[in-house]
Amino acid sequence: MVNQDGAYSGVVGLAYPKLTTYKEELPLFYNLWKQKKISLPLFSVFLTTSSKSSLTSELVLGGIDKSKYTGSITYVQVSPKGYWEFKLTNVMIGRTVISGSKNTPAISDTGTTYIYGPSKQVKAFYAAINAYQYDNDGDYGVDCEAISSLPSLTFTISGVPFTLLPQHYIYNESLTGGNKLCLSAISASTDTDNDSREYWLLGDSFLQRFYSVYNMGTNQVGFAKSVLYKS
């Protein structure tokens, strides 16, 4: 798990057994279910958005905390069964479609702090928000005064839009002298899945706004708007 400040508090493998290093190993969650230590073959995750929040991050093994989300949960089928990988309907920045293929894969990952996407699609995202390259590490920034006027970023899953507001995908870093640097939480990646397809990796910048459910019984991932969505 990675906390809201980007620090590791420990690593627990919660993906499918296929990803274990040794064939005889079983991931923690899968082992709990096999030994009948939990009532349902699912777990759910609630992540806080700030250390100032009155709520704390939460992992529920074998259940769902209905107090941590609003509305209904949208489910999508996992494919293939390794990471919690699924297909997006599309990705849009404002009204511009940057991924219109229904076969664009995405992976939900609580162990990743930010969001990563296919290089061409992220390049289109940068162009839409007038981002500039901040350094040689691939970091992109925007004018801090322009954040409120930036378009929303929407990931459509099973036909349902999950929208990040500008303040969700832009984060501030304090500089010496009291100045602030506004950087994008979206970065480009050329990593591919087992089918050699570039994918979106939805890390904590996404999951802090959407409650997530991981069901090994039905092989589905579910998302709903977090009660901390606006923060």
C-alpha atoms as a PDB file:
ATOM      1  CA  MET A   1       0.000   0.000   0.000  1.00  0.00           C
ATOM      2  CA  VAL A   2       1.095   3.592  -0.671  1.00  0.00           C
ATOM      3  CA  ASN A   3      -0.291   6.341   1.562  1.00  0.00           C
ATOM      4  CA  GLN A   4      -1.415   9.799   0.469  1.00  0.00           C
ATOM      5  CA  ASP A   5       2.100  11.158   0.940  1.00  0.00           C
ATOM      6  CA  GLY A   6       3.603   8.588  -1.407  1.00  0.00           C
ATOM      7  CA  ALA A   7       5.294   6.569   1.374  1.00  0.00           C
ATOM      8  CA  TYR A   8       5.125   2.787   1.502  1.00  0.00           C
ATOM      9  CA  SER A   9       3.509   1.254   4.567  1.00  0.00           C
ATOM     10  CA  GLY A  10       4.035  -2.299   3.334  1.00  0.00           C
ATOM     11  CA  VAL A  11       3.425  -4.505   0.307  1.00  0.00           C
ATOM     12  CA  VAL A  12       0.727  -7.195   0.183  1.00  0.00           C
ATOM     13  CA  GLY A  13       0.054  -9.043  -3.060  1.00  0.00           C
ATOM     14  CA  LEU A  14      -3.684  -9.015  -3.744  1.00  0.00           C
ATOM     15  CA  ALA A  15      -3.740 -10.040  -7.390  1.00  0.00           C
ATOM     16  CA  TYR A  16      -4.473 -13.468  -8.892  1.00  0.00           C
ATOM     17  CA  PRO A  17      -2.265 -16.500  -8.050  1.00  0.00           C
ATOM     18  CA  LYS A  18      -0.892 -16.413 -11.617  1.00  0.00           C
ATOM     19  CA  LEU A  19       1.406 -13.542 -10.606  1.00  0.00           C
ATOM     20  CA  THR A  20       3.131 -15.308  -7.734  1.00  0.00           C
ATOM     21  CA  THR A  21       6.883 -15.847  -8.071  1.00  0.00           C
ATOM     22  CA  TYR A  22       6.691 -19.536  -7.181  1.00  0.00           C
ATOM     23  CA  LYS A  23       3.915 -21.905  -8.239  1.00  0.00           C
ATOM     24  CA  GLU A  24       3.450 -23.283  -4.724  1.00  0.00           C
ATOM     25  CA  GLU A  25       2.821 -19.814  -3.276  1.00  0.00           C
ATOM     26  CA  LEU A  26      -0.640 -18.422  -2.718  1.00  0.00           C
ATOM     27  CA  PRO A  27      -1.388 -14.685  -2.376  1.00  0.00           C
ATOM     28  CA  LEU A  28      -2.680 -13.606   1.040  1.00  0.00           C
ATOM     29  CA  PHE A  29      -6.250 -12.934  -0.019  1.00  0.00           C
ATOM     30  CA  TYR A  30      -6.571 -16.070  -2.138  1.00  0.00           C
ATOM     31  CA  ASN A  31      -5.216 -18.136   0.742  1.00  0.00           C
ATOM     32  CA  LEU A  32      -7.701 -16.602   3.197  1.00  0.00           C
ATOM     33  CA  TRP A  33     -10.557 -17.517   0.887  1.00  0.00           C
ATOM     34  CA  LYS A  34      -9.263 -21.046   0.314  1.00  0.00           C
ATOM     35  CA  GLN A  35      -9.037 -21.593   4.091  1.00  0.00           C
ATOM     36  CA  LYS A  36     -12.569 -20.165   4.541  1.00  0.00           C
ATOM     37  CA  LYS A  37     -11.328 -17.363   6.799  1.00  0.00           C
ATOM     38  CA  ILE A  38     -13.501 -14.798   4.985  1.00  0.00           C
ATOM     39  CA  SER A  39     -17.172 -15.005   4.036  1.00  0.00           C
ATOM     40  CA  LEU A  40     -16.959 -13.671   0.487  1.00  0.00           C
ATOM     41  CA  PRO A  41     -14.238 -13.982  -2.192  1.00  0.00           C
ATOM     42  CA  LEU A  42     -13.839 -10.220  -2.517  1.00  0.00           C
ATOM     43  CA  PHE A  43     -12.062  -7.271  -0.947  1.00  0.00           C
ATOM     44  CA  SER A  44     -12.666  -3.543  -1.161  1.00  0.00           C
ATOM     45  CA  VAL A  45     -10.474  -0.467  -0.845  1.00  0.00           C
ATOM     46  CA  PHE A  46     -11.135   3.062   0.393  1.00  0.00           C
ATOM     47  CA  LEU A  47      -8.277   5.557   0.128  1.00  0.00           C
ATOM     48  CA  THR A  48      -8.188   8.950   1.788  1.00  0.00           C
ATOM     49  CA  THR A  49      -7.168  11.993  -0.197  1.00  0.00           C
ATOM     50  CA  SER A  50      -5.329  13.904   2.523  1.00  0.00           C
ATOM     51  CA  SER A  51      -3.669  13.399   5.898  1.00  0.00           C
ATOM     52  CA  LYS A  52      -6.089  16.061   7.148  1.00  0.00           C
ATOM     53  CA  SER A  53      -9.134  13.903   6.425  1.00  0.00           C
ATOM     54  CA  SER A  54     -11.200  12.727   9.383  1.00  0.00           C
ATOM     55  CA  LEU A  55     -11.488   9.341   7.657  1.00  0.00           C
ATOM     56  CA  THR A  56      -8.671   6.828   7.288  1.00  0.00           C
ATOM     57  CA  SER A  57      -7.846   4.519   4.394  1.00  0.00           C
ATOM     58  CA  GLU A  58      -9.452   1.116   4.677  1.00  0.00           C
ATOM     59  CA  LEU A  59      -9.029  -2.400   3.275  1.00  0.00           C
ATOM     60  CA  VAL A  60     -11.963  -4.740   3.893  1.00  0.00           C
ATOM     61  CA  LEU A  61     -11.286  -8.449   3.345  1.00  0.00           C
ATOM     62  CA  GLY A  62     -14.434 -10.376   2.487  1.00  0.00           C
ATOM     63  CA  GLY A  63     -16.816  -7.428   2.379  1.00  0.00           C
ATOM     64  CA  ILE A  64     -17.808  -3.941   1.243  1.00  0.00           C
ATOM     65  CA  ASP A  65     -18.153  -0.814   3.388  1.00  0.00           C
ATOM     66  CA  LYS A  66     -21.279   0.920   2.087  1.00  0.00           C
ATOM     67  CA  SER A  67     -20.532   4.042   4.148  1.00  0.00           C
ATOM     68  CA  LYS A  68     -17.482   4.857   2.018  1.00  0.00           C
ATOM     69  CA  TYR A  69     -19.156   5.433  -1.347  1.00  0.00           C
ATOM     70  CA  THR A  70     -22.238   7.015  -2.886  1.00  0.00           C
ATOM     71  CA  GLY A  71     -24.529   5.727  -5.625  1.00  0.00           C
ATOM     72  CA  SER A  72     -24.135   2.236  -7.046  1.00  0.00           C
ATOM     73  CA  ILE A  73     -21.078   0.146  -7.867  1.00  0.00           C
ATOM     74  CA  THR A  74     -20.270  -0.360 -11.556  1.00  0.00           C
ATOM     75  CA  TYR A  75     -18.691  -3.730 -12.303  1.00  0.00           C
ATOM     76  CA  VAL A  76     -16.503  -4.787 -15.224  1.00  0.00           C
ATOM     77  CA  GLN A  77     -15.140  -8.213 -16.085  1.00  0.00           C
ATOM     78  CA  VAL A  78     -11.480  -9.013 -15.384  1.00  0.00           C
ATOM     79  CA  SER A  79      -9.514 -10.208 -18.407  1.00  0.00           C
ATOM     80  CA  PRO A  80      -6.943 -11.716 -18.333  1.00  0.00           C
ATOM     81  CA  LYS A  81      -6.780 -13.044 -14.751  1.00  0.00           C
ATOM     82  CA  GLY A  82      -3.429 -11.818 -13.492  1.00  0.00           C
ATOM     83  CA  TYR A  83      -3.526  -8.196 -12.477  1.00  0.00           C
ATOM     84  CA  TRP A  84      -6.929  -6.628 -11.907  1.00  0.00           C
ATOM     85  CA  GLU A  85      -7.136  -5.832 -15.612  1.00  0.00           C
ATOM     86  CA  PHE A  86     -10.229  -4.868 -17.581  1.00  0.00           C
ATOM     87  CA  LYS A  87     -11.258  -3.037 -20.744  1.00  0.00           C
ATOM     88  CA  LEU A  88     -12.192   0.647 -20.900  1.00  0.00           C
ATOM     89  CA  THR A  89     -15.088   1.908 -23.008  1.00  0.00           C
ATOM     90  CA  ASN A  90     -13.103   5.095 -23.771  1.00  0.00           C
ATOM     91  CA  VAL A  91     -10.983   7.863 -22.272  1.00  0.00           C
ATOM     92  CA  MET A  92     -11.825  11.556 -22.759  1.00  0.00           C
ATOM     93  CA  ILE A  93     -10.259  14.866 -21.817  1.00  0.00           C
ATOM     94  CA  GLY A  94     -13.079  17.355 -21.891  1.00  0.00           C
ATOM     95  CA  ARG A  95     -15.026  16.484 -25.054  1.00  0.00           C
ATOM     96  CA  THR A  96     -11.979  15.101 -26.849  1.00  0.00           C
ATOM     97  CA  VAL A  97     -11.709  11.326 -27.106  1.00  0.00           C
ATOM     98  CA  ILE A  98      -8.093  10.259 -26.606  1.00  0.00           C
ATOM     99  CA  SER A  99      -8.893   6.554 -26.569  1.00  0.00           C
ATOM    100  CA  GLY A 100     -11.948   5.446 -28.501  1.00  0.00           C
ATOM    101  CA  SER A 101     -11.105   1.736 -28.633  1.00  0.00           C
ATOM    102  CA  LYS A 102     -13.272  -0.509 -26.467  1.00  0.00           C
ATOM    103  CA  ASN A 103     -10.294  -2.865 -26.251  1.00  0.00           C
ATOM    104  CA  THR A 104      -8.052  -0.388 -24.415  1.00  0.00           C
ATOM    105  CA  PRO A 105      -6.942  -2.239 -21.280  1.00  0.00           C
ATOM    106  CA  ALA A 106      -6.644  -0.746 -17.821  1.00  0.00           C
ATOM    107  CA  ILE A 107      -5.298  -2.077 -14.529  1.00  0.00           C
ATOM    108  CA  SER A 108      -6.491  -0.973 -11.101  1.00  0.00           C
ATOM    109  CA  ASP A 109      -3.497  -0.860  -8.745  1.00  0.00           C
ATOM    110  CA  THR A 110      -3.478   0.481  -5.170  1.00  0.00           C
ATOM    111  CA  GLY A 111       0.310   0.092  -5.106  1.00  0.00           C
ATOM    112  CA  THR A 112       0.834   2.808  -7.726  1.00  0.00           C
ATOM    113  CA  THR A 113       0.651   6.448  -6.631  1.00  0.00           C
ATOM    114  CA  TYR A 114      -0.242   8.156  -9.913  1.00  0.00           C
ATOM    115  CA  ILE A 115      -1.864   7.282 -13.245  1.00  0.00           C
ATOM    116  CA  TYR A 116       0.045   6.003 -16.271  1.00  0.00           C
ATOM    117  CA  GLY A 117      -1.214   5.633 -19.814  1.00  0.00           C
ATOM    118  CA  PRO A 118      -0.178   4.786 -23.377  1.00  0.00           C
ATOM    119  CA  SER A 119       2.292   7.382 -24.635  1.00  0.00           C
ATOM    120  CA  LYS A 120       0.201   8.606 -27.615  1.00  0.00           C
ATOM    121  CA  GLN A 121      -2.917   9.010 -25.494  1.00  0.00           C
ATOM    122  CA  VAL A 122      -1.073  10.810 -22.707  1.00  0.00           C
ATOM    123  CA  LYS A 123       0.530  13.098 -25.284  1.00  0.00           C
ATOM    124  CA  ALA A 124      -2.979  14.072 -26.437  1.00  0.00           C
ATOM    125  CA  PHE A 125      -3.920  14.691 -22.804  1.00  0.00           C
ATOM    126  CA  TYR A 126      -0.916  17.019 -22.323  1.00  0.00           C
ATOM    127  CA  ALA A 127      -1.850  18.946 -25.466  1.00  0.00           C
ATOM    128  CA  ALA A 128      -5.421  19.420 -24.232  1.00  0.00           C
ATOM    129  CA  ILE A 129      -4.305  20.966 -20.918  1.00  0.00           C
ATOM    130  CA  ASN A 130      -1.410  22.976 -22.417  1.00  0.00           C
ATOM    131  CA  ALA A 131       1.116  21.146 -20.264  1.00  0.00           C
ATOM    132  CA  TYR A 132       4.850  21.830 -20.506  1.00  0.00           C
ATOM    133  CA  GLN A 133       7.683  19.408 -19.827  1.00  0.00           C
ATOM    134  CA  TYR A 134       9.117  20.230 -16.433  1.00  0.00           C
ATOM    135  CA  ASP A 135      12.180  17.982 -16.406  1.00  0.00           C
ATOM    136  CA  ASN A 136      13.887  15.113 -18.211  1.00  0.00           C
ATOM    137  CA  ASP A 137      12.166  12.534 -16.011  1.00  0.00           C
ATOM    138  CA  GLY A 138       8.912  12.878 -17.936  1.00  0.00           C
ATOM    139  CA  ASP A 139       7.176  15.221 -15.496  1.00  0.00           C
ATOM    140  CA  TYR A 140       4.747  17.718 -17.008  1.00  0.00           C
ATOM    141  CA  GLY A 141       3.398  20.855 -15.377  1.00  0.00           C
ATOM    142  CA  VAL A 142       0.692  23.448 -15.943  1.00  0.00           C
ATOM    143  CA  ASP A 143       0.150  27.081 -15.032  1.00  0.00           C
ATOM    144  CA  CYS A 144      -1.163  26.982 -11.455  1.00  0.00           C
ATOM    145  CA  GLU A 145      -3.480  29.911 -12.181  1.00  0.00           C
ATOM    146  CA  ALA A 146      -5.170  27.958 -14.976  1.00  0.00           C
ATOM    147  CA  ILE A 147      -6.166  24.826 -13.027  1.00  0.00           C
ATOM    148  CA  SER A 148      -9.796  25.854 -12.517  1.00  0.00           C
ATOM    149  CA  SER A 149     -10.252  26.273 -16.268  1.00  0.00           C
ATOM    150  CA  LEU A 150      -8.823  22.897 -17.269  1.00  0.00           C
ATOM    151  CA  PRO A 151     -11.127  20.175 -18.665  1.00  0.00           C
ATOM    152  CA  SER A 152     -12.117  17.055 -16.768  1.00  0.00           C
ATOM    153  CA  LEU A 153     -10.538  13.668 -17.485  1.00  0.00           C
ATOM    154  CA  THR A 154     -13.043  10.822 -17.860  1.00  0.00           C
ATOM    155  CA  PHE A 155     -12.493   7.082 -17.891  1.00  0.00           C
ATOM    156  CA  THR A 156     -15.631   5.310 -19.098  1.00  0.00           C
ATOM    157  CA  ILE A 157     -16.007   1.824 -17.625  1.00  0.00           C
ATOM    158  CA  SER A 158     -18.864  -0.478 -18.683  1.00  0.00           C
ATOM    159  CA  GLY A 159     -20.449   2.580 -20.287  1.00  0.00           C
ATOM    160  CA  VAL A 160     -20.384   4.580 -17.033  1.00  0.00           C
ATOM    161  CA  PRO A 161     -18.216   7.743 -16.813  1.00  0.00           C
ATOM    162  CA  PHE A 162     -15.736   8.096 -13.947  1.00  0.00           C
ATOM    163  CA  THR A 163     -14.557  11.683 -14.041  1.00  0.00           C
ATOM    164  CA  LEU A 164     -11.498  13.283 -12.497  1.00  0.00           C
ATOM    165  CA  LEU A 165     -11.679  17.042 -12.010  1.00  0.00           C
ATOM    166  CA  PRO A 166      -8.578  19.195 -12.678  1.00  0.00           C
ATOM    167  CA  GLN A 167      -7.765  19.381  -8.960  1.00  0.00           C
ATOM    168  CA  HIS A 168      -7.786  15.564  -8.926  1.00  0.00           C
ATOM    169  CA  TYR A 169      -5.185  15.051 -11.656  1.00  0.00           C
ATOM    170  CA  ILE A 170      -2.985  18.071 -10.835  1.00  0.00           C
ATOM    171  CA  TYR A 171      -0.977  18.119  -7.607  1.00  0.00           C
ATOM    172  CA  ASN A 172       0.988  20.919  -5.965  1.00  0.00           C
ATOM    173  CA  GLU A 173       4.574  20.832  -4.795  1.00  0.00           C
ATOM    174  CA  SER A 174       5.894  23.598  -2.579  1.00  0.00           C
ATOM    175  CA  LEU A 175       9.149  25.228  -3.655  1.00  0.00           C
ATOM    176  CA  THR A 176      11.606  27.302  -1.684  1.00  0.00           C
ATOM    177  CA  GLY A 177      10.418  30.858  -1.282  1.00  0.00           C
ATOM    178  CA  GLY A 178       6.767  29.845  -0.908  1.00  0.00           C
ATOM    179  CA  ASN A 179       6.151  29.263  -4.621  1.00  0.00           C
ATOM    180  CA  LYS A 180       4.188  26.285  -5.896  1.00  0.00           C
ATOM    181  CA  LEU A 181       4.718  23.936  -8.797  1.00  0.00           C
ATOM    182  CA  CYS A 182       1.649  22.338 -10.367  1.00  0.00           C
ATOM    183  CA  LEU A 183       2.416  18.964 -11.898  1.00  0.00           C
ATOM    184  CA  SER A 184       0.303  16.420 -13.718  1.00  0.00           C
ATOM    185  CA  ALA A 185      -0.481  13.134 -11.975  1.00  0.00           C
ATOM    186  CA  ILE A 186      -0.743  11.537 -15.426  1.00  0.00           C
ATOM    187  CA  SER A 187       2.427  10.135 -16.970  1.00  0.00           C
ATOM    188  CA  ALA A 188       3.227   8.252 -20.163  1.00  0.00           C
ATOM    189  CA  SER A 189       4.323   4.631 -20.194  1.00  0.00           C
ATOM    190  CA  THR A 190       5.274   2.129 -22.884  1.00  0.00           C
ATOM    191  CA  ASP A 191       4.650  -0.917 -20.676  1.00  0.00           C
ATOM    192  CA  THR A 192       2.466  -3.628 -22.225  1.00  0.00           C
ATOM    193  CA  ASP A 193       0.278  -6.412 -20.856  1.00  0.00           C
ATOM    194  CA  ASN A 194       0.557 -10.114 -21.706  1.00  0.00           C
ATOM    195  CA  ASP A 195      -1.126  -9.444 -25.058  1.00  0.00           C
ATOM    196  CA  SER A 196       1.492  -6.772 -25.939  1.00  0.00           C
ATOM    197  CA  ARG A 197      -1.024  -3.928 -25.524  1.00  0.00           C
ATOM    198  CA  GLU A 198      -0.221  -0.633 -23.829  1.00  0.00           C
ATOM    199  CA  TYR A 199      -2.579  -0.028 -20.929  1.00  0.00           C
ATOM    200  CA  TRP A 200      -3.798   2.582 -18.460  1.00  0.00           C
ATOM    201  CA  LEU A 201      -2.580   1.997 -14.909  1.00  0.00           C
ATOM    202  CA  LEU A 202      -5.103   3.538 -12.519  1.00  0.00           C
ATOM    203  CA  GLY A 203      -3.243   4.237  -9.301  1.00  0.00           C
ATOM    204  CA  ASP A 204      -4.119   6.185  -6.184  1.00  0.00           C
ATOM    205  CA  SER A 205      -4.797   9.477  -8.007  1.00  0.00           C
ATOM    206  CA  PHE A 206      -7.844   7.664  -9.437  1.00  0.00           C
ATOM    207  CA  LEU A 207      -8.629   5.338  -6.528  1.00  0.00           C
ATOM    208  CA  GLN A 208      -8.690   8.143  -3.949  1.00  0.00           C
ATOM    209  CA  ARG A 209     -11.830   9.390  -5.704  1.00  0.00           C
ATOM    210  CA  PHE A 210     -13.458   6.044  -6.456  1.00  0.00           C
ATOM    211  CA  TYR A 211     -14.152   3.233  -4.018  1.00  0.00           C
ATOM    212  CA  SER A 212     -13.001  -0.048  -5.554  1.00  0.00           C
ATOM    213  CA  VAL A 213     -14.115  -3.674  -5.150  1.00  0.00           C
ATOM    214  CA  TYR A 214     -12.153  -6.743  -6.308  1.00  0.00           C
ATOM    215  CA  ASN A 215     -14.181  -9.940  -6.647  1.00  0.00           C
ATOM    216  CA  MET A 216     -12.384 -13.226  -7.372  1.00  0.00           C
ATOM    217  CA  GLY A 217     -15.683 -15.117  -7.222  1.00  0.00           C
ATOM    218  CA  THR A 218     -17.210 -13.321 -10.202  1.00  0.00           C
ATOM    219  CA  ASN A 219     -13.845 -12.151 -11.648  1.00  0.00           C
ATOM    220  CA  GLN A 220     -14.928  -8.520 -11.639  1.00  0.00           C
ATOM    221  CA  VAL A 221     -13.641  -5.129 -10.538  1.00  0.00           C
ATOM    222  CA  GLY A 222     -16.155  -2.587  -9.285  1.00  0.00           C
ATOM    223  CA  PHE A 223     -15.994   1.192  -8.870  1.00  0.00           C
ATOM    224  CA  ALA A 224     -18.228   3.757  -7.170  1.00  0.00           C
ATOM    225  CA  LYS A 225     -17.811   7.429  -6.293  1.00  0.00           C
ATOM    226  CA  SER A 226     -15.965   7.826  -3.003  1.00  0.00           C
ATOM    227  CA  VAL A 227     -17.467   9.915  -0.224  1.00  0.00           C
ATOM    228  CA  LEU A 228     -14.247  11.963  -0.518  1.00  0.00           C
ATOM    229  CA  TYR A 229     -14.692  12.601  -4.238  1.00  0.00           C
ATOM    230  CA  LYS A 230     -14.719  16.414  -4.013  1.00  0.00           C
ATOM    231  CA  SER A 231     -11.568  16.724  -1.908  1.00  0.00           C
END
